[in-house]
Amino acid sequence: MGEILKVFGKRIRSLRRAKDLTQEQVAERAGLSLQSVGEIERGRGNPTLVNIERLSAALGEDLTTLFDLGDVKLSKEQAQQELLELLNRATEEQVRAILTMVRVLILK
């Protein structure tokens, strides 16, 4: 049962860092204590639905993004394998569009 808290906490930390926000900034925006945000990110806090909604607003993300936990535990090799499998099913047009997006992400 505690595993979901750890995975959720990692997701929150990842989203926060991607937006270059500190725990203090997220706590202030969400109306939570710094301690609460830290505990949630470490998988020790069990946030209420109201606090999850506050985190969502503070991070500028919808709730579905907060719960998109599938990629948190993937190793680089697993992620690469999944990408290859998805690319093999993509149309030629989709592959070209993906290549363009990847170039933008990696070469920025």
Protein backbone atom coordinates (compact mmCIF):
# COMPACT_ATOMS: atom_id res chain seq x y z
CA MET A 1 0.00 0.00 0.00
CA GLY A 2 2.82 2.43 0.77
CA GLU A 3 4.30 1.93 -2.70
CA ILE A 4 1.65 4.14 -4.33
CA LEU A 5 2.60 6.96 -1.95
CA LYS A 6 6.25 6.68 -2.96
CA VAL A 7 5.43 6.62 -6.67
CA PHE A 8 3.00 9.53 -6.32
CA GLY A 9 5.59 11.50 -4.35
CA LYS A 10 8.19 10.93 -7.06
CA ARG A 11 5.71 12.14 -9.65
CA ILE A 12 5.02 15.33 -7.69
CA ARG A 13 8.76 15.95 -7.26
CA SER A 14 9.37 15.34 -10.97
CA LEU A 15 6.63 17.77 -12.01
CA ARG A 16 7.85 20.39 -9.53
CA ARG A 17 11.44 20.15 -10.73
CA ALA A 18 10.38 20.24 -14.37
CA LYS A 19 8.76 23.60 -13.64
CA ASP A 20 11.87 24.75 -11.74
CA LEU A 21 9.87 25.31 -8.56
CA THR A 22 11.07 24.86 -5.00
CA GLN A 23 9.12 22.94 -2.40
CA GLU A 24 8.56 26.26 -0.66
CA GLN A 25 6.99 27.77 -3.76
CA VAL A 26 4.68 24.80 -4.28
CA ALA A 27 3.72 24.81 -0.60
CA GLU A 28 2.87 28.50 -0.73
CA ARG A 29 0.86 28.20 -3.95
CA ALA A 30 -1.01 25.15 -2.63
CA GLY A 31 -1.67 26.58 0.82
CA LEU A 32 0.22 23.66 2.39
CA SER A 33 3.10 23.57 4.81
CA LEU A 34 6.61 23.01 3.54
CA GLN A 35 6.74 19.92 5.75
CA SER A 36 3.61 18.49 4.09
CA VAL A 37 5.01 18.94 0.59
CA GLY A 38 8.30 17.36 1.64
CA GLU A 39 6.55 14.39 3.21
CA ILE A 40 4.37 13.87 0.14
CA GLU A 41 7.40 13.96 -2.16
CA ARG A 42 9.23 11.43 0.03
CA GLY A 43 6.21 9.11 0.01
CA ARG A 44 5.65 9.52 3.72
CA GLY A 45 2.64 11.80 3.55
CA ASN A 46 -0.80 10.56 2.62
CA PRO A 47 -2.39 13.61 0.97
CA THR A 48 -6.12 14.14 1.06
CA LEU A 49 -8.06 14.60 -2.14
CA VAL A 50 -8.36 18.30 -1.35
CA ASN A 51 -4.58 18.59 -0.99
CA ILE A 52 -4.02 16.68 -4.22
CA GLU A 53 -6.31 19.17 -5.95
CA ARG A 54 -4.31 22.03 -4.39
CA LEU A 55 -1.04 20.49 -5.61
CA SER A 56 -2.54 20.17 -9.06
CA ALA A 57 -3.39 23.88 -9.13
CA ALA A 58 -0.02 24.87 -7.62
CA LEU A 59 1.84 22.92 -10.29
CA GLY A 60 -0.46 24.13 -13.08
CA GLU A 61 -1.28 20.54 -14.04
CA ASP A 62 -4.59 18.74 -14.32
CA LEU A 63 -5.31 15.84 -12.00
CA THR A 64 -4.79 13.22 -14.69
CA THR A 65 -1.20 14.42 -15.12
CA LEU A 66 -0.54 14.01 -11.40
CA PHE A 67 -1.72 10.41 -11.60
CA ASP A 68 0.12 9.51 -14.79
CA LEU A 69 2.51 7.28 -12.83
CA GLY A 70 3.45 4.79 -15.52
CA ASP A 71 6.83 6.24 -16.41
CA VAL A 72 8.12 6.86 -12.90
CA LYS A 73 9.66 3.43 -12.39
CA LEU A 74 10.86 2.75 -15.90
CA SER A 75 14.59 2.39 -16.42
CA LYS A 76 16.13 4.11 -19.42
CA GLU A 77 16.32 0.75 -21.19
CA GLN A 78 12.66 -0.01 -20.49
CA ALA A 79 11.62 3.42 -21.73
CA GLN A 80 13.68 2.96 -24.90
CA GLN A 81 12.12 -0.44 -25.50
CA GLU A 82 8.61 0.94 -25.09
CA LEU A 83 9.44 3.80 -27.47
CA LEU A 84 10.68 1.33 -30.09
CA GLU A 85 7.52 -0.74 -29.75
CA LEU A 86 5.35 2.33 -30.15
CA LEU A 87 7.36 3.55 -33.13
CA ASN A 88 6.96 0.20 -34.84
CA ARG A 89 3.18 0.68 -34.70
CA ALA A 90 3.25 4.30 -35.84
CA THR A 91 2.50 5.51 -39.33
CA GLU A 92 5.24 7.09 -41.42
CA GLU A 93 3.74 10.52 -40.79
CA GLN A 94 3.63 9.91 -37.02
CA VAL A 95 7.27 8.78 -37.00
CA ARG A 96 8.35 11.98 -38.74
CA ALA A 97 6.33 14.10 -36.29
CA ILE A 98 7.84 12.25 -33.33
CA LEU A 99 11.34 12.71 -34.73
CA THR A 100 10.73 16.45 -34.97
CA MET A 101 9.53 16.60 -31.36
CA VAL A 102 12.46 14.54 -30.09
CA ARG A 103 14.93 16.78 -31.90
CA VAL A 104 13.36 19.82 -30.26
CA LEU A 105 13.49 18.22 -26.81
CA ILE A 106 17.04 16.92 -27.05
CA LEU A 107 18.68 19.73 -28.97
CA LYS A 108 17.16 22.64 -27.07
